[in-house]
Protein backbone atom coordinates (compact mmCIF):
# COMPACT_ATOMS: atom_id res chain seq x y z
CA MET A 1 45.24 -26.59 -74.62
CA LYS A 2 44.37 -22.91 -74.45
CA ARG A 3 40.62 -23.48 -74.17
CA PRO A 4 40.53 -24.72 -70.52
CA TRP A 5 42.36 -21.57 -69.44
CA LEU A 6 39.92 -19.39 -71.33
CA ILE A 7 37.02 -20.97 -69.45
CA LEU A 8 38.71 -20.80 -66.03
CA ILE A 9 39.52 -17.07 -66.15
CA PRO A 10 35.88 -15.86 -66.48
CA LEU A 11 34.80 -18.48 -63.95
CA ALA A 12 37.39 -17.22 -61.44
CA VAL A 13 36.30 -13.61 -62.04
CA LEU A 14 32.64 -14.59 -61.55
CA LEU A 15 33.37 -16.49 -58.32
CA THR A 16 35.46 -13.61 -56.96
CA GLY A 17 32.61 -11.20 -57.70
CA LEU A 18 30.06 -13.45 -55.98
CA VAL A 19 32.24 -13.82 -52.89
CA TRP A 20 32.82 -10.04 -52.73
CA TYR A 21 29.08 -9.33 -53.14
CA ARG A 22 28.17 -11.89 -50.47
CA MET A 23 30.68 -10.47 -47.98
CA ALA A 24 29.58 -6.86 -48.61
CA HIS A 25 25.90 -7.83 -48.29
CA HIS A 26 26.59 -9.79 -45.07
CA LYS A 27 28.38 -6.81 -43.46
CA ASP A 28 25.49 -4.50 -44.37
CA SER A 29 22.88 -6.92 -42.99
CA VAL A 30 24.79 -7.28 -39.68
CA ALA A 31 25.08 -3.49 -39.39
CA ASP A 32 21.35 -3.12 -40.14
CA LYS A 33 20.43 -5.69 -37.46
CA VAL A 34 22.56 -3.97 -34.82
CA ALA A 35 21.25 -0.53 -35.82
CA ALA A 36 17.65 -1.82 -35.48
CA ILE A 37 18.13 -2.39 -31.74
CA ALA A 38 17.25 0.60 -29.54
CA TRP A 39 20.46 0.85 -27.50
CA LYS A 40 20.29 2.53 -24.09
CA GLY A 41 23.91 3.60 -24.43
CA ALA A 42 26.51 3.25 -27.14
CA PRO A 43 26.10 0.34 -29.57
CA PRO A 44 28.54 -2.56 -29.23
CA ASN A 45 32.07 -2.35 -30.62
CA HIS A 46 31.96 -5.92 -31.90
CA VAL A 47 29.13 -8.18 -33.09
CA VAL A 48 29.57 -11.91 -33.64
CA THR A 49 27.01 -13.58 -35.91
CA ASP A 50 28.86 -16.84 -36.52
CA PRO A 51 26.26 -19.33 -35.25
CA VAL A 52 28.75 -22.02 -34.22
CA ALA A 53 30.94 -19.54 -32.31
CA VAL A 54 27.94 -18.15 -30.41
CA PHE A 55 26.64 -21.68 -29.71
CA GLN A 56 30.02 -22.78 -28.32
CA ARG A 57 30.32 -19.73 -26.05
CA ALA A 58 26.70 -20.17 -24.91
CA PHE A 59 26.59 -23.91 -24.18
CA TRP A 60 30.31 -24.77 -23.81
CA ARG A 61 30.06 -27.49 -26.44
CA THR A 62 30.06 -27.88 -30.21
CA PRO A 63 26.69 -28.27 -31.95
CA THR A 64 25.90 -31.68 -33.41
CA GLY A 65 24.46 -32.17 -36.89
CA ALA A 66 21.01 -32.47 -35.28
CA ASP A 67 21.22 -28.99 -33.66
CA GLN A 68 19.83 -26.39 -36.09
CA ILE A 69 20.93 -22.88 -35.13
CA VAL A 70 18.21 -20.55 -36.43
CA HIS A 71 19.67 -17.23 -35.18
CA ALA A 72 22.66 -16.24 -33.06
CA GLU A 73 24.23 -12.92 -32.03
CA ARG A 74 26.85 -11.88 -29.51
CA HIS A 75 27.42 -8.20 -28.72
CA GLU A 76 30.62 -6.98 -27.06
CA TRP A 77 31.60 -3.55 -25.73
CA SER A 78 35.29 -3.00 -25.13
CA ASP A 79 37.96 -0.46 -24.35
CA ALA A 80 41.77 -0.50 -24.59
CA GLU A 81 42.01 -3.02 -21.74
CA GLY A 82 39.50 -5.55 -23.13
CA VAL A 83 35.82 -6.46 -22.99
CA THR A 84 33.79 -4.34 -20.57
CA LYS A 85 30.29 -5.71 -21.27
CA TRP A 86 28.76 -8.52 -23.36
CA GLN A 87 25.45 -10.19 -24.19
CA TRP A 88 24.34 -12.99 -26.47
CA PHE A 89 21.09 -14.36 -27.87
CA ILE A 90 20.49 -17.65 -29.65
CA GLU A 91 17.56 -19.58 -31.11
CA VAL A 92 18.11 -23.29 -31.73
CA LYS A 93 15.98 -26.16 -32.91
CA ALA A 94 17.65 -28.37 -30.35
CA SER A 95 18.54 -32.03 -30.73
CA PRO A 96 17.25 -34.47 -28.11
CA GLU A 97 20.82 -34.71 -26.78
CA LEU A 98 21.08 -30.95 -26.27
CA LEU A 99 17.65 -30.78 -24.61
CA LYS A 100 18.62 -33.63 -22.27
CA HIS A 101 21.95 -31.95 -21.46
CA LEU A 102 20.40 -28.55 -20.70
CA ARG A 103 16.99 -29.40 -19.23
CA ASP A 104 17.08 -32.96 -17.86
CA ASP A 105 20.74 -33.21 -16.79
CA ASN A 106 20.62 -29.51 -15.78
CA ALA A 107 24.28 -29.04 -16.72
CA PHE A 108 24.25 -25.35 -15.74
CA GLY A 109 22.46 -25.70 -12.37
CA MET A 110 19.36 -23.80 -13.48
CA ILE A 111 16.08 -23.42 -11.59
CA SER A 112 12.54 -23.13 -12.95
CA SER A 113 11.23 -19.58 -13.28
CA LYS A 114 7.77 -18.18 -13.87
CA SER A 115 8.94 -15.75 -16.54
CA ALA A 116 12.06 -14.71 -18.41
CA LYS A 117 13.83 -11.43 -17.74
CA VAL A 118 15.21 -10.51 -21.15
CA SER A 119 17.08 -7.31 -21.95
CA SER A 120 15.20 -4.71 -24.00
CA GLU A 121 18.34 -4.49 -26.14
CA LYS A 122 17.59 -7.72 -27.99
CA PRO A 123 17.38 -8.69 -31.65
CA ALA A 124 13.94 -8.54 -33.32
CA TRP A 125 13.95 -12.31 -33.94
CA PHE A 126 14.24 -13.10 -30.19
CA THR A 127 10.47 -13.37 -29.60
CA TYR A 128 8.19 -15.99 -28.08
CA LYS A 129 4.78 -16.12 -26.43
CA PRO A 130 5.18 -16.21 -22.62
CA GLY A 131 2.31 -18.70 -22.12
CA GLU A 132 3.85 -21.21 -24.53
CA VAL A 133 7.28 -21.60 -22.92
CA SER A 134 9.04 -23.02 -19.88
CA VAL A 135 11.82 -20.91 -18.40
CA MET A 136 14.95 -21.95 -16.53
CA SER A 137 17.22 -19.32 -14.98
CA ALA A 138 20.59 -19.38 -13.28
CA PRO A 139 20.09 -18.57 -9.57
CA GLN A 140 23.16 -16.33 -9.25
CA ALA A 141 23.64 -15.12 -12.85
CA ASN A 142 21.78 -13.81 -15.89
CA LEU A 143 21.73 -17.02 -17.99
CA GLN A 144 18.22 -18.02 -19.17
CA PHE A 145 16.88 -20.93 -21.20
CA ILE A 146 13.41 -20.51 -22.71
CA PHE A 147 12.00 -23.81 -24.02
CA LYS A 148 8.93 -23.84 -26.29
CA ASN A 149 6.50 -26.38 -24.80
CA GLN A 150 5.16 -27.82 -28.06
CA SER A 151 8.45 -28.05 -30.00
CA ASN A 152 12.17 -28.51 -29.60
CA THR A 153 12.87 -24.77 -30.07
CA LEU A 154 15.12 -23.21 -27.47
CA PHE A 155 15.77 -19.50 -26.91
CA ALA A 156 18.72 -18.68 -24.66
CA THR A 157 20.36 -15.47 -23.51
CA ASP A 158 22.97 -14.22 -21.09
CA PHE A 159 24.74 -10.94 -20.35
CA GLY A 160 27.45 -9.67 -18.08
CA LEU A 161 30.45 -7.47 -17.57
CA GLY A 162 34.01 -8.02 -18.70
CA PHE A 163 36.91 -8.87 -16.45
CA ARG A 164 37.06 -6.70 -13.36
CA ARG A 165 40.04 -4.38 -13.38
CA GLY A 166 42.53 -4.75 -10.57
CA ALA A 167 43.32 -1.94 -8.15
CA PRO A 168 46.08 0.36 -9.36
CA GLU A 169 49.49 -0.50 -7.98
CA GLN A 170 50.46 1.70 -5.05
CA PRO A 171 53.84 3.43 -5.21
CA LYS A 172 56.42 1.94 -2.86
CA VAL A 173 57.40 4.30 -0.05
CA ASN A 174 60.51 3.56 2.04
CA SER A 175 60.41 5.67 5.18
CA THR A 176 62.98 3.58 7.05
CA PRO A 177 66.11 2.12 5.58
CA ALA A 178 66.13 -1.62 5.27
CA ALA A 179 68.23 -3.62 7.70
CA PRO A 180 71.26 -5.24 6.15
CA ALA A 181 70.61 -8.74 5.00
CA LEU A 182 72.06 -11.46 7.19
CA ARG A 183 74.82 -13.35 5.47
CA ARG A 184 76.62 -16.52 6.21
CA LEU A 185 80.01 -15.04 5.28
CA PRO A 186 81.37 -11.62 6.24
CA PRO A 187 81.13 -8.93 3.59
CA SER A 188 84.96 -8.61 3.25
CA ALA A 189 87.69 -11.14 2.68
CA PRO A 190 89.71 -12.39 5.66
CA PRO A 191 93.09 -10.74 6.30
CA ALA A 192 95.91 -12.16 4.26
CA PRO A 193 98.92 -13.51 6.21
CA GLU A 194 102.19 -11.58 5.84
CA ARG A 195 105.10 -13.30 4.19
């Protein structure tokens, strides 16, 4: 009866150590990747490397089992009021359904472009040969799809600013007193009859 417990305790300690090592190694590798980018300004406050989360924010859909996400990163800069700037990069071995949705159905209203305009602040893995790709760009935004001609590999990127702050509220100034509100009944009770 005591033997199963004796086996489970070292196994639990070993699994805990492996999980801790994996998490510590993952944090270091994310920090190394972000540090490897030559930032023009301050580096991002937040980096998302969860491939499914980046895919969903990029394509507004969940990946299928046939979509193989090779690399994915989303960088966010923020202040006390929220996100001020963001950018993402993704490389996917796309399923036929995803290629049809993005290229043939043109779900994002893209137009063909001669070349891609990619930020210099990009991950090292976001590389392709310009002569071997077809590019589609959003006409009024920064979204770009870069399809490799001889394979189902798709590179995509987008960047933008956070929510625009509203104008500060102006203080209310009353230079003239307000007119009394019109009422249906007089402001005082009617006179009471004498008894």
